[in-house]
Amino acid sequence: MNLKMVKQLQAELPQSIQDMVAVIGFSHTLKVVQALGGTTWRIASGRGKDGEAKRAALAERVGTDTEELLHKYYAGDEIYLPR
């Protein structure tokens, strides 16, 4: 697949996914959509007991690196992830 094809495919993605790709990158966004597509997920905002439990649950699903990026850019947000 060449760059032109990737750009065309990316343009067909829902806007929310395009925005996520712009912030955390394509490979991390792909992990998120594969793990959580079709759901709404609240990204933990704090580092307290509840926040750490939610972060650990998300990291289990998408990996620690991806979870850290989501936390950095979306902490406290509730995001819908289309399939």
N, C-alpha and C. Protein backbone atom coordinates (compact mmCIF):
# COMPACT_ATOMS: atom_id res chain seq x y z
N MET A 1 0.86 -1.17 0.00
CA MET A 1 0.00 0.00 0.00
C MET A 1 0.90 1.23 0.00
N ASN A 2 0.66 2.13 -0.92
CA ASN A 2 1.49 3.32 -1.00
C ASN A 2 0.88 4.48 -0.20
N LEU A 3 1.64 5.54 -0.08
CA LEU A 3 1.23 6.68 0.73
C LEU A 3 -0.07 7.30 0.23
N LYS A 4 -0.25 7.35 -1.09
CA LYS A 4 -1.48 7.92 -1.65
C LYS A 4 -2.70 7.12 -1.21
N MET A 5 -2.59 5.80 -1.24
CA MET A 5 -3.70 4.94 -0.82
C MET A 5 -3.99 5.13 0.67
N VAL A 6 -2.95 5.24 1.48
CA VAL A 6 -3.13 5.45 2.91
C VAL A 6 -3.86 6.76 3.16
N LYS A 7 -3.46 7.81 2.47
CA LYS A 7 -4.11 9.12 2.62
C LYS A 7 -5.59 9.06 2.22
N GLN A 8 -5.88 8.32 1.14
CA GLN A 8 -7.26 8.19 0.69
C GLN A 8 -8.09 7.43 1.73
N LEU A 9 -7.54 6.36 2.25
CA LEU A 9 -8.24 5.59 3.27
C LEU A 9 -8.45 6.41 4.53
N GLN A 10 -7.44 7.14 4.93
CA GLN A 10 -7.54 7.97 6.13
C GLN A 10 -8.64 9.02 5.97
N ALA A 11 -8.78 9.57 4.78
CA ALA A 11 -9.80 10.58 4.54
C ALA A 11 -11.22 10.02 4.66
N GLU A 12 -11.37 8.72 4.54
CA GLU A 12 -12.68 8.08 4.64
C GLU A 12 -13.05 7.70 6.08
N LEU A 13 -12.11 7.84 6.99
CA LEU A 13 -12.37 7.52 8.39
C LEU A 13 -13.28 8.57 9.02
N PRO A 14 -14.03 8.19 10.06
CA PRO A 14 -14.83 9.20 10.77
C PRO A 14 -13.92 10.32 11.29
N GLN A 15 -14.46 11.51 11.37
CA GLN A 15 -13.67 12.67 11.78
C GLN A 15 -13.01 12.46 13.14
N SER A 16 -13.71 11.85 14.08
CA SER A 16 -13.13 11.64 15.42
C SER A 16 -11.89 10.76 15.35
N ILE A 17 -11.90 9.79 14.45
CA ILE A 17 -10.74 8.91 14.29
C ILE A 17 -9.62 9.65 13.57
N GLN A 18 -9.96 10.45 12.58
CA GLN A 18 -8.94 11.27 11.92
C GLN A 18 -8.25 12.20 12.93
N ASP A 19 -9.05 12.78 13.82
CA ASP A 19 -8.50 13.66 14.85
C ASP A 19 -7.56 12.89 15.78
N MET A 20 -7.96 11.69 16.15
CA MET A 20 -7.12 10.88 17.03
C MET A 20 -5.81 10.50 16.33
N VAL A 21 -5.89 10.16 15.05
CA VAL A 21 -4.68 9.84 14.29
C VAL A 21 -3.73 11.03 14.31
N ALA A 22 -4.27 12.24 14.17
CA ALA A 22 -3.44 13.44 14.15
C ALA A 22 -2.74 13.66 15.49
N VAL A 23 -3.35 13.20 16.58
CA VAL A 23 -2.81 13.43 17.91
C VAL A 23 -1.88 12.30 18.38
N ILE A 24 -2.32 11.04 18.23
CA ILE A 24 -1.52 9.94 18.78
C ILE A 24 -0.90 9.04 17.72
N GLY A 25 -1.20 9.30 16.46
CA GLY A 25 -0.61 8.51 15.38
C GLY A 25 -1.50 7.36 14.94
N PHE A 26 -1.23 6.89 13.71
CA PHE A 26 -2.08 5.87 13.11
C PHE A 26 -2.00 4.53 13.84
N SER A 27 -0.80 4.06 14.16
CA SER A 27 -0.67 2.74 14.77
C SER A 27 -1.32 2.68 16.15
N HIS A 28 -1.19 3.76 16.93
CA HIS A 28 -1.83 3.78 18.25
C HIS A 28 -3.35 3.85 18.11
N THR A 29 -3.83 4.65 17.16
CA THR A 29 -5.27 4.76 16.94
C THR A 29 -5.84 3.42 16.49
N LEU A 30 -5.12 2.71 15.64
CA LEU A 30 -5.57 1.40 15.20
C LEU A 30 -5.73 0.45 16.38
N LYS A 31 -4.80 0.47 17.32
CA LYS A 31 -4.90 -0.38 18.52
C LYS A 31 -6.16 -0.03 19.31
N VAL A 32 -6.42 1.27 19.44
CA VAL A 32 -7.59 1.72 20.21
C VAL A 32 -8.88 1.26 19.54
N VAL A 33 -8.98 1.45 18.24
CA VAL A 33 -10.20 1.07 17.52
C VAL A 33 -10.38 -0.45 17.52
N GLN A 34 -9.31 -1.19 17.35
CA GLN A 34 -9.42 -2.66 17.38
C GLN A 34 -9.89 -3.15 18.75
N ALA A 35 -9.42 -2.52 19.81
CA ALA A 35 -9.77 -2.95 21.16
C ALA A 35 -11.10 -2.41 21.64
N LEU A 36 -11.45 -1.19 21.24
CA LEU A 36 -12.60 -0.52 21.85
C LEU A 36 -13.61 0.00 20.85
N GLY A 37 -13.43 -0.29 19.57
CA GLY A 37 -14.35 0.22 18.55
C GLY A 37 -15.79 -0.14 18.86
N GLY A 38 -16.67 0.84 18.70
CA GLY A 38 -18.08 0.64 18.96
C GLY A 38 -18.48 0.94 20.40
N THR A 39 -17.54 1.45 21.19
CA THR A 39 -17.83 1.74 22.59
C THR A 39 -17.51 3.20 22.91
N THR A 40 -17.96 3.62 24.07
CA THR A 40 -17.61 4.91 24.62
C THR A 40 -16.73 4.64 25.83
N TRP A 41 -15.64 5.37 25.93
CA TRP A 41 -14.68 5.12 27.00
C TRP A 41 -14.29 6.45 27.64
N ARG A 42 -14.32 6.50 28.96
CA ARG A 42 -13.86 7.70 29.67
C ARG A 42 -12.39 7.50 30.01
N ILE A 43 -11.57 8.43 29.55
CA ILE A 43 -10.14 8.39 29.83
C ILE A 43 -9.91 8.97 31.22
N ALA A 44 -9.31 8.18 32.09
CA ALA A 44 -9.10 8.61 33.48
C ALA A 44 -8.34 9.93 33.51
N SER A 45 -8.74 10.80 34.45
CA SER A 45 -8.09 12.10 34.53
C SER A 45 -7.06 12.18 35.65
N GLY A 46 -7.24 11.37 36.67
CA GLY A 46 -6.35 11.47 37.81
C GLY A 46 -5.45 10.28 38.00
N ARG A 47 -4.62 10.39 39.00
CA ARG A 47 -3.71 9.31 39.33
C ARG A 47 -4.07 8.71 40.68
N GLY A 48 -5.27 8.99 41.17
CA GLY A 48 -5.73 8.39 42.42
C GLY A 48 -6.03 6.92 42.22
N LYS A 49 -6.55 6.29 43.24
CA LYS A 49 -6.84 4.85 43.21
C LYS A 49 -7.76 4.47 42.06
N ASP A 50 -8.87 5.20 41.91
CA ASP A 50 -9.81 4.91 40.82
C ASP A 50 -9.19 5.18 39.45
N GLY A 51 -8.49 6.30 39.35
CA GLY A 51 -7.86 6.66 38.08
C GLY A 51 -6.82 5.63 37.67
N GLU A 52 -6.03 5.18 38.60
CA GLU A 52 -5.00 4.18 38.28
C GLU A 52 -5.64 2.86 37.86
N ALA A 53 -6.75 2.48 38.48
CA ALA A 53 -7.44 1.25 38.10
C ALA A 53 -7.99 1.36 36.68
N LYS A 54 -8.56 2.51 36.35
CA LYS A 54 -9.10 2.71 35.00
C LYS A 54 -7.97 2.75 33.96
N ARG A 55 -6.86 3.39 34.34
CA ARG A 55 -5.71 3.44 33.42
C ARG A 55 -5.15 2.03 33.19
N ALA A 56 -5.08 1.23 34.23
CA ALA A 56 -4.57 -0.13 34.09
C ALA A 56 -5.49 -0.97 33.21
N ALA A 57 -6.80 -0.80 33.37
CA ALA A 57 -7.76 -1.53 32.54
C ALA A 57 -7.61 -1.15 31.07
N LEU A 58 -7.41 0.13 30.81
CA LEU A 58 -7.22 0.58 29.43
C LEU A 58 -5.89 0.08 28.87
N ALA A 59 -4.85 0.15 29.67
CA ALA A 59 -3.52 -0.33 29.23
C ALA A 59 -3.55 -1.82 28.90
N GLU A 60 -4.36 -2.57 29.63
CA GLU A 60 -4.51 -4.00 29.34
C GLU A 60 -5.07 -4.22 27.95
N ARG A 61 -5.94 -3.33 27.52
CA ARG A 61 -6.60 -3.48 26.23
C ARG A 61 -5.79 -2.92 25.06
N VAL A 62 -5.07 -1.81 25.30
CA VAL A 62 -4.40 -1.14 24.17
C VAL A 62 -2.88 -1.06 24.31
N GLY A 63 -2.36 -1.46 25.45
CA GLY A 63 -0.92 -1.36 25.69
C GLY A 63 -0.57 -0.09 26.45
N THR A 64 0.51 -0.15 27.19
CA THR A 64 0.91 0.96 28.05
C THR A 64 1.26 2.22 27.26
N ASP A 65 2.00 2.08 26.17
CA ASP A 65 2.40 3.26 25.40
C ASP A 65 1.18 4.01 24.86
N THR A 66 0.24 3.25 24.33
CA THR A 66 -0.97 3.86 23.77
C THR A 66 -1.81 4.49 24.88
N GLU A 67 -1.93 3.81 26.00
CA GLU A 67 -2.69 4.36 27.13
C GLU A 67 -2.08 5.67 27.60
N GLU A 68 -0.76 5.73 27.67
CA GLU A 68 -0.10 6.96 28.11
C GLU A 68 -0.39 8.13 27.16
N LEU A 69 -0.41 7.85 25.86
CA LEU A 69 -0.75 8.90 24.90
C LEU A 69 -2.20 9.34 25.05
N LEU A 70 -3.09 8.37 25.22
CA LEU A 70 -4.51 8.72 25.42
C LEU A 70 -4.66 9.58 26.68
N HIS A 71 -3.99 9.20 27.74
CA HIS A 71 -4.07 9.95 28.99
C HIS A 71 -3.52 11.36 28.80
N LYS A 72 -2.42 11.48 28.08
CA LYS A 72 -1.80 12.78 27.86
C LYS A 72 -2.73 13.74 27.11
N TYR A 73 -3.42 13.24 26.09
CA TYR A 73 -4.23 14.11 25.24
C TYR A 73 -5.73 14.11 25.54
N TYR A 74 -6.22 13.06 26.20
CA TYR A 74 -7.66 12.95 26.38
C TYR A 74 -8.09 12.77 27.84
N ALA A 75 -7.19 12.99 28.80
CA ALA A 75 -7.52 12.78 30.21
C ALA A 75 -8.80 13.53 30.60
N GLY A 76 -9.72 12.79 31.20
CA GLY A 76 -10.99 13.37 31.64
C GLY A 76 -12.07 13.39 30.57
N ASP A 77 -11.70 13.07 29.34
CA ASP A 77 -12.69 13.09 28.26
C ASP A 77 -13.38 11.74 28.11
N GLU A 78 -14.62 11.79 27.70
CA GLU A 78 -15.35 10.59 27.31
C GLU A 78 -15.34 10.57 25.79
N ILE A 79 -14.79 9.51 25.24
CA ILE A 79 -14.67 9.45 23.78
C ILE A 79 -15.44 8.26 23.24
N TYR A 80 -16.15 8.51 22.15
CA TYR A 80 -16.82 7.44 21.42
C TYR A 80 -15.88 6.98 20.33
N LEU A 81 -15.70 5.68 20.23
CA LEU A 81 -14.80 5.10 19.23
C LEU A 81 -15.60 4.27 18.24
N PRO A 82 -15.85 4.84 17.06
CA PRO A 82 -16.59 4.09 16.06
C PRO A 82 -15.80 2.86 15.61
N ARG A 83 -16.50 1.91 15.04
CA ARG A 83 -15.83 0.71 14.51
C ARG A 83 -15.24 0.99 13.17
